[in-house]
Amino acid sequence: MIATALAKLLWRRELARVGWARLSAWCGAGCAVVLVAGLVVFGHDGKFATYTAMVAICALTLWWVGFGPRRR
């Protein structure tokens, strides 16, 4: 939610038509998938690689939903 709020604040005009809830939902879903995958691969939570992947997937989903080819 913080990443979504910051994205909406920084790119106010560009993201005006994209809903806040939509951005948050996609980012949260992507992070949840990465977290589960990290738990399956590593066997426990707390690995730096999982958190790095969560940051990357959050940024990627924010870009895809906010600026990607199907944003409207």
PDB file of N, CA and C in Angstrom:
ATOM      1  N   MET A   1       0.819  -1.185   0.000  1.00  0.00           N
ATOM      2  CA  MET A   1       0.000   0.000   0.000  1.00  0.00           C
ATOM      3  C   MET A   1       0.868   1.256   0.000  1.00  0.00           C
ATOM      4  N   ILE A   2       1.990   1.175   0.662  1.00  0.00           N
ATOM      5  CA  ILE A   2       2.893   2.332   0.694  1.00  0.00           C
ATOM      6  C   ILE A   2       3.469   2.591  -0.692  1.00  0.00           C
ATOM      7  N   ALA A   3       3.864   1.522  -1.388  1.00  0.00           N
ATOM      8  CA  ALA A   3       4.406   1.684  -2.738  1.00  0.00           C
ATOM      9  C   ALA A   3       3.364   2.272  -3.679  1.00  0.00           C
ATOM     10  N   THR A   4       2.128   1.834  -3.541  1.00  0.00           N
ATOM     11  CA  THR A   4       1.056   2.367  -4.373  1.00  0.00           C
ATOM     12  C   THR A   4       0.808   3.838  -4.070  1.00  0.00           C
ATOM     13  N   ALA A   5       0.784   4.180  -2.806  1.00  0.00           N
ATOM     14  CA  ALA A   5       0.566   5.579  -2.427  1.00  0.00           C
ATOM     15  C   ALA A   5       1.688   6.472  -2.939  1.00  0.00           C
ATOM     16  N   LEU A   6       2.922   6.000  -2.832  1.00  0.00           N
ATOM     17  CA  LEU A   6       4.044   6.791  -3.341  1.00  0.00           C
ATOM     18  C   LEU A   6       4.003   6.921  -4.860  1.00  0.00           C
ATOM     19  N   ALA A   7       3.627   5.847  -5.549  1.00  0.00           N
ATOM     20  CA  ALA A   7       3.523   5.906  -7.009  1.00  0.00           C
ATOM     21  C   ALA A   7       2.436   6.891  -7.427  1.00  0.00           C
ATOM     22  N   LYS A   8       1.279   6.842  -6.744  1.00  0.00           N
ATOM     23  CA  LYS A   8       0.199   7.769  -7.063  1.00  0.00           C
ATOM     24  C   LYS A   8       0.595   9.208  -6.752  1.00  0.00           C
ATOM     25  N   LEU A   9       1.420   9.409  -5.739  1.00  0.00           N
ATOM     26  CA  LEU A   9       1.874  10.752  -5.382  1.00  0.00           C
ATOM     27  C   LEU A   9       2.902  11.270  -6.392  1.00  0.00           C
ATOM     28  N   LEU A  10       3.861  10.429  -6.772  1.00  0.00           N
ATOM     29  CA  LEU A  10       4.919  10.866  -7.681  1.00  0.00           C
ATOM     30  C   LEU A  10       4.433  11.057  -9.115  1.00  0.00           C
ATOM     31  N   TRP A  11       3.572  10.181  -9.579  1.00  0.00           N
ATOM     32  CA  TRP A  11       3.067  10.249 -10.952  1.00  0.00           C
ATOM     33  C   TRP A  11       1.576  10.548 -10.929  1.00  0.00           C
ATOM     34  N   ARG A  12       1.235  11.678 -10.323  1.00  0.00           N
ATOM     35  CA  ARG A  12      -0.150  12.061 -10.091  1.00  0.00           C
ATOM     36  C   ARG A  12      -0.956  12.148 -11.379  1.00  0.00           C
ATOM     37  N   ARG A  13      -0.457  12.857 -12.368  1.00  0.00           N
ATOM     38  CA  ARG A  13      -1.199  13.026 -13.619  1.00  0.00           C
ATOM     39  C   ARG A  13      -1.251  11.743 -14.434  1.00  0.00           C
ATOM     40  N   GLU A  14      -0.148  11.026 -14.494  1.00  0.00           N
ATOM     41  CA  GLU A  14      -0.091   9.822 -15.308  1.00  0.00           C
ATOM     42  C   GLU A  14      -0.975   8.707 -14.756  1.00  0.00           C
ATOM     43  N   LEU A  15      -1.112   8.650 -13.436  1.00  0.00           N
ATOM     44  CA  LEU A  15      -1.891   7.585 -12.801  1.00  0.00           C
ATOM     45  C   LEU A  15      -3.272   8.050 -12.334  1.00  0.00           C
ATOM     46  N   ALA A  16      -3.728   9.184 -12.828  1.00  0.00           N
ATOM     47  CA  ALA A  16      -5.017   9.715 -12.390  1.00  0.00           C
ATOM     48  C   ALA A  16      -6.173   8.789 -12.757  1.00  0.00           C
ATOM     49  N   ARG A  17      -6.094   8.116 -13.897  1.00  0.00           N
ATOM     50  CA  ARG A  17      -7.184   7.249 -14.346  1.00  0.00           C
ATOM     51  C   ARG A  17      -7.122   5.844 -13.766  1.00  0.00           C
ATOM     52  N   VAL A  18      -6.013   5.498 -13.153  1.00  0.00           N
ATOM     53  CA  VAL A  18      -5.859   4.156 -12.589  1.00  0.00           C
ATOM     54  C   VAL A  18      -6.232   4.207 -11.114  1.00  0.00           C
ATOM     55  N   GLY A  19      -7.113   3.327 -10.709  1.00  0.00           N
ATOM     56  CA  GLY A  19      -7.602   3.336  -9.338  1.00  0.00           C
ATOM     57  C   GLY A  19      -6.558   2.886  -8.325  1.00  0.00           C
ATOM     58  N   TRP A  20      -6.632   3.493  -7.137  1.00  0.00           N
ATOM     59  CA  TRP A  20      -5.694   3.162  -6.074  1.00  0.00           C
ATOM     60  C   TRP A  20      -5.871   1.719  -5.625  1.00  0.00           C
ATOM     61  N   ALA A  21      -7.117   1.287  -5.519  1.00  0.00           N
ATOM     62  CA  ALA A  21      -7.393  -0.085  -5.073  1.00  0.00           C
ATOM     63  C   ALA A  21      -6.894  -1.105  -6.087  1.00  0.00           C
ATOM     64  N   ARG A  22      -7.015  -0.794  -7.357  1.00  0.00           N
ATOM     65  CA  ARG A  22      -6.534  -1.708  -8.405  1.00  0.00           C
ATOM     66  C   ARG A  22      -5.012  -1.866  -8.342  1.00  0.00           C
ATOM     67  N   LEU A  23      -4.313  -0.759  -8.193  1.00  0.00           N
ATOM     68  CA  LEU A  23      -2.855  -0.832  -8.076  1.00  0.00           C
ATOM     69  C   LEU A  23      -2.446  -1.627  -6.836  1.00  0.00           C
ATOM     70  N   SER A  24      -3.083  -1.359  -5.715  1.00  0.00           N
ATOM     71  CA  SER A  24      -2.745  -2.063  -4.476  1.00  0.00           C
ATOM     72  C   SER A  24      -3.050  -3.548  -4.558  1.00  0.00           C
ATOM     73  N   ALA A  25      -4.174  -3.882  -5.157  1.00  0.00           N
ATOM     74  CA  ALA A  25      -4.559  -5.291  -5.251  1.00  0.00           C
ATOM     75  C   ALA A  25      -3.567  -6.084  -6.097  1.00  0.00           C
ATOM     76  N   TRP A  26      -3.177  -5.547  -7.228  1.00  0.00           N
ATOM     77  CA  TRP A  26      -2.218  -6.255  -8.081  1.00  0.00           C
ATOM     78  C   TRP A  26      -0.849  -6.362  -7.422  1.00  0.00           C
ATOM     79  N   CYS A  27      -0.413  -5.301  -6.774  1.00  0.00           N
ATOM     80  CA  CYS A  27       0.883  -5.335  -6.093  1.00  0.00           C
ATOM     81  C   CYS A  27       0.850  -6.326  -4.933  1.00  0.00           C
ATOM     82  N   GLY A  28      -0.204  -6.309  -4.162  1.00  0.00           N
ATOM     83  CA  GLY A  28      -0.336  -7.244  -3.047  1.00  0.00           C
ATOM     84  C   GLY A  28      -0.408  -8.688  -3.505  1.00  0.00           C
ATOM     85  N   ALA A  29      -1.141  -8.937  -4.588  1.00  0.00           N
ATOM     86  CA  ALA A  29      -1.241 -10.299  -5.112  1.00  0.00           C
ATOM     87  C   ALA A  29       0.108 -10.790  -5.623  1.00  0.00           C
ATOM     88  N   GLY A  30       0.826  -9.936  -6.317  1.00  0.00           N
ATOM     89  CA  GLY A  30       2.156 -10.324  -6.805  1.00  0.00           C
ATOM     90  C   GLY A  30       3.115 -10.626  -5.665  1.00  0.00           C
ATOM     91  N   CYS A  31       3.090  -9.800  -4.630  1.00  0.00           N
ATOM     92  CA  CYS A  31       3.958 -10.036  -3.473  1.00  0.00           C
ATOM     93  C   CYS A  31       3.575 -11.310  -2.729  1.00  0.00           C
ATOM     94  N   ALA A  32       2.289 -11.601  -2.653  1.00  0.00           N
ATOM     95  CA  ALA A  32       1.849 -12.833  -1.991  1.00  0.00           C
ATOM     96  C   ALA A  32       2.325 -14.066  -2.744  1.00  0.00           C
ATOM     97  N   VAL A  33       2.252 -14.024  -4.069  1.00  0.00           N
ATOM     98  CA  VAL A  33       2.732 -15.153  -4.879  1.00  0.00           C
ATOM     99  C   VAL A  33       4.233 -15.354  -4.682  1.00  0.00           C
ATOM    100  N   VAL A  34       4.988 -14.267  -4.678  1.00  0.00           N
ATOM    101  CA  VAL A  34       6.438 -14.369  -4.482  1.00  0.00           C
ATOM    102  C   VAL A  34       6.758 -14.880  -3.082  1.00  0.00           C
ATOM    103  N   LEU A  35       6.016 -14.453  -2.085  1.00  0.00           N
ATOM    104  CA  LEU A  35       6.251 -14.909  -0.722  1.00  0.00           C
ATOM    105  C   LEU A  35       6.004 -16.415  -0.595  1.00  0.00           C
ATOM    106  N   VAL A  36       4.916 -16.891  -1.175  1.00  0.00           N
ATOM    107  CA  VAL A  36       4.631 -18.328  -1.136  1.00  0.00           C
ATOM    108  C   VAL A  36       5.699 -19.109  -1.889  1.00  0.00           C
ATOM    109  N   ALA A  37       6.119 -18.597  -3.035  1.00  0.00           N
ATOM    110  CA  ALA A  37       7.184 -19.264  -3.790  1.00  0.00           C
ATOM    111  C   ALA A  37       8.483 -19.301  -2.985  1.00  0.00           C
ATOM    112  N   GLY A  38       8.796 -18.224  -2.282  1.00  0.00           N
ATOM    113  CA  GLY A  38       9.983 -18.203  -1.432  1.00  0.00           C
ATOM    114  C   GLY A  38       9.894 -19.196  -0.288  1.00  0.00           C
ATOM    115  N   LEU A  39       8.704 -19.330   0.280  1.00  0.00           N
ATOM    116  CA  LEU A  39       8.518 -20.313   1.348  1.00  0.00           C
ATOM    117  C   LEU A  39       8.687 -21.738   0.826  1.00  0.00           C
ATOM    118  N   VAL A  40       8.192 -21.993  -0.375  1.00  0.00           N
ATOM    119  CA  VAL A  40       8.330 -23.329  -0.965  1.00  0.00           C
ATOM    120  C   VAL A  40       9.788 -23.627  -1.299  1.00  0.00           C
ATOM    121  N   VAL A  41      10.466 -22.665  -1.888  1.00  0.00           N
ATOM    122  CA  VAL A  41      11.857 -22.891  -2.317  1.00  0.00           C
ATOM    123  C   VAL A  41      12.803 -22.987  -1.129  1.00  0.00           C
ATOM    124  N   PHE A  42      12.697 -22.059  -0.185  1.00  0.00           N
ATOM    125  CA  PHE A  42      13.654 -22.004   0.918  1.00  0.00           C
ATOM    126  C   PHE A  42      13.199 -22.739   2.179  1.00  0.00           C
ATOM    127  N   GLY A  43      11.927 -23.006   2.305  1.00  0.00           N
ATOM    128  CA  GLY A  43      11.438 -23.746   3.460  1.00  0.00           C
ATOM    129  C   GLY A  43      11.085 -22.902   4.664  1.00  0.00           C
ATOM    130  N   HIS A  44      11.447 -21.630   4.664  1.00  0.00           N
ATOM    131  CA  HIS A  44      11.078 -20.736   5.766  1.00  0.00           C
ATOM    132  C   HIS A  44      11.139 -19.292   5.293  1.00  0.00           C
ATOM    133  N   ASP A  45      10.547 -18.429   6.081  1.00  0.00           N
ATOM    134  CA  ASP A  45      10.493 -17.010   5.757  1.00  0.00           C
ATOM    135  C   ASP A  45      11.769 -16.325   6.243  1.00  0.00           C
ATOM    136  N   GLY A  46      12.050 -15.166   5.682  1.00  0.00           N
ATOM    137  CA  GLY A  46      13.167 -14.378   6.164  1.00  0.00           C
ATOM    138  C   GLY A  46      14.391 -14.381   5.274  1.00  0.00           C
ATOM    139  N   LYS A  47      14.291 -14.930   4.091  1.00  0.00           N
ATOM    140  CA  LYS A  47      15.431 -14.926   3.174  1.00  0.00           C
ATOM    141  C   LYS A  47      15.473 -13.587   2.437  1.00  0.00           C
ATOM    142  N   PHE A  48      16.649 -13.065   2.286  1.00  0.00           N
ATOM    143  CA  PHE A  48      16.841 -11.787   1.613  1.00  0.00           C
ATOM    144  C   PHE A  48      16.416 -11.879   0.153  1.00  0.00           C
ATOM    145  N   ALA A  49      16.632 -13.024  -0.475  1.00  0.00           N
ATOM    146  CA  ALA A  49      16.259 -13.205  -1.882  1.00  0.00           C
ATOM    147  C   ALA A  49      14.750 -13.080  -2.067  1.00  0.00           C
ATOM    148  N   THR A  50      13.975 -13.582  -1.135  1.00  0.00           N
ATOM    149  CA  THR A  50      12.518 -13.478  -1.227  1.00  0.00           C
ATOM    150  C   THR A  50      12.080 -12.025  -1.129  1.00  0.00           C
ATOM    151  N   TYR A  51      12.639 -11.287  -0.210  1.00  0.00           N
ATOM    152  CA  TYR A  51      12.263  -9.891  -0.054  1.00  0.00           C
ATOM    153  C   TYR A  51      12.712  -9.046  -1.244  1.00  0.00           C
ATOM    154  N   THR A  52      13.844  -9.361  -1.810  1.00  0.00           N
ATOM    155  CA  THR A  52      14.306  -8.671  -3.015  1.00  0.00           C
ATOM    156  C   THR A  52      13.356  -8.941  -4.169  1.00  0.00           C
ATOM    157  N   ALA A  53      12.939 -10.182  -4.306  1.00  0.00           N
ATOM    158  CA  ALA A  53      11.988 -10.527  -5.361  1.00  0.00           C
ATOM    159  C   ALA A  53      10.642  -9.853  -5.136  1.00  0.00           C
ATOM    160  N   MET A  54      10.232  -9.695  -3.878  1.00  0.00           N
ATOM    161  CA  MET A  54       8.977  -9.008  -3.586  1.00  0.00           C
ATOM    162  C   MET A  54       9.039  -7.536  -3.996  1.00  0.00           C
ATOM    163  N   VAL A  55      10.151  -6.880  -3.752  1.00  0.00           N
ATOM    164  CA  VAL A  55      10.313  -5.486  -4.171  1.00  0.00           C
ATOM    165  C   VAL A  55      10.278  -5.392  -5.694  1.00  0.00           C
ATOM    166  N   ALA A  56      10.966  -6.308  -6.360  1.00  0.00           N
ATOM    167  CA  ALA A  56      11.004  -6.296  -7.821  1.00  0.00           C
ATOM    168  C   ALA A  56       9.621  -6.553  -8.417  1.00  0.00           C
ATOM    169  N   ILE A  57       8.888  -7.519  -7.878  1.00  0.00           N
ATOM    170  CA  ILE A  57       7.565  -7.823  -8.428  1.00  0.00           C
ATOM    171  C   ILE A  57       6.579  -6.710  -8.125  1.00  0.00           C
ATOM    172  N   CYS A  58       6.721  -6.047  -6.991  1.00  0.00           N
ATOM    173  CA  CYS A  58       5.849  -4.917  -6.679  1.00  0.00           C
ATOM    174  C   CYS A  58       6.090  -3.777  -7.673  1.00  0.00           C
ATOM    175  N   ALA A  59       7.347  -3.490  -7.953  1.00  0.00           N
ATOM    176  CA  ALA A  59       7.662  -2.444  -8.926  1.00  0.00           C
ATOM    177  C   ALA A  59       7.176  -2.826 -10.321  1.00  0.00           C
ATOM    178  N   LEU A  60       7.352  -4.082 -10.686  1.00  0.00           N
ATOM    179  CA  LEU A  60       6.924  -4.538 -12.005  1.00  0.00           C
ATOM    180  C   LEU A  60       5.405  -4.476 -12.151  1.00  0.00           C
ATOM    181  N   THR A  61       4.670  -4.912 -11.133  1.00  0.00           N
ATOM    182  CA  THR A  61       3.212  -4.865 -11.231  1.00  0.00           C
ATOM    183  C   THR A  61       2.690  -3.434 -11.198  1.00  0.00           C
ATOM    184  N   LEU A  62       3.311  -2.562 -10.428  1.00  0.00           N
ATOM    185  CA  LEU A  62       2.901  -1.157 -10.447  1.00  0.00           C
ATOM    186  C   LEU A  62       3.120  -0.556 -11.828  1.00  0.00           C
ATOM    187  N   TRP A  63       4.237  -0.891 -12.456  1.00  0.00           N
ATOM    188  CA  TRP A  63       4.486  -0.390 -13.803  1.00  0.00           C
ATOM    189  C   TRP A  63       3.481  -0.983 -14.789  1.00  0.00           C
ATOM    190  N   TRP A  64       3.262  -2.291 -14.720  1.00  0.00           N
ATOM    191  CA  TRP A  64       2.386  -2.963 -15.681  1.00  0.00           C
ATOM    192  C   TRP A  64       0.951  -2.435 -15.586  1.00  0.00           C
ATOM    193  N   VAL A  65       0.435  -2.321 -14.390  1.00  0.00           N
ATOM    194  CA  VAL A  65      -0.941  -1.862 -14.222  1.00  0.00           C
ATOM    195  C   VAL A  65      -1.052  -0.359 -14.475  1.00  0.00           C
ATOM    196  N   GLY A  66      -0.063   0.395 -14.036  1.00  0.00           N
ATOM    197  CA  GLY A  66      -0.134   1.846 -14.170  1.00  0.00           C
ATOM    198  C   GLY A  66       0.275   2.390 -15.520  1.00  0.00           C
ATOM    199  N   PHE A  67       1.290   1.804 -16.141  1.00  0.00           N
ATOM    200  CA  PHE A  67       1.831   2.358 -17.377  1.00  0.00           C
ATOM    201  C   PHE A  67       1.878   1.366 -18.522  1.00  0.00           C
ATOM    202  N   GLY A  68       1.502   0.127 -18.277  1.00  0.00           N
ATOM    203  CA  GLY A  68       1.588  -0.920 -19.288  1.00  0.00           C
ATOM    204  C   GLY A  68       0.590  -0.730 -20.429  1.00  0.00           C
ATOM    205  N   PRO A  69       0.587  -1.681 -21.341  1.00  0.00           N
ATOM    206  CA  PRO A  69      -0.241  -1.537 -22.545  1.00  0.00           C
ATOM    207  C   PRO A  69      -1.738  -1.618 -22.283  1.00  0.00           C
ATOM    208  N   ARG A  70      -2.173  -2.215 -21.191  1.00  0.00           N
ATOM    209  CA  ARG A  70      -3.613  -2.367 -20.928  1.00  0.00           C
ATOM    210  C   ARG A  70      -4.047  -1.593 -19.697  1.00  0.00           C
ATOM    211  N   ARG A  71      -3.584  -0.387 -19.513  1.00  0.00           N
ATOM    212  CA  ARG A  71      -3.880   0.330 -18.268  1.00  0.00           C
ATOM    213  C   ARG A  71      -5.282   0.914 -18.235  1.00  0.00           C
ATOM    214  N   ARG A  72      -5.954   1.059 -19.338  1.00  0.00           N
ATOM    215  CA  ARG A  72      -7.302   1.660 -19.320  1.00  0.00           C
ATOM    216  C   ARG A  72      -8.339   0.656 -19.457  1.00  0.00           C
TER     217      ARG A  72
END
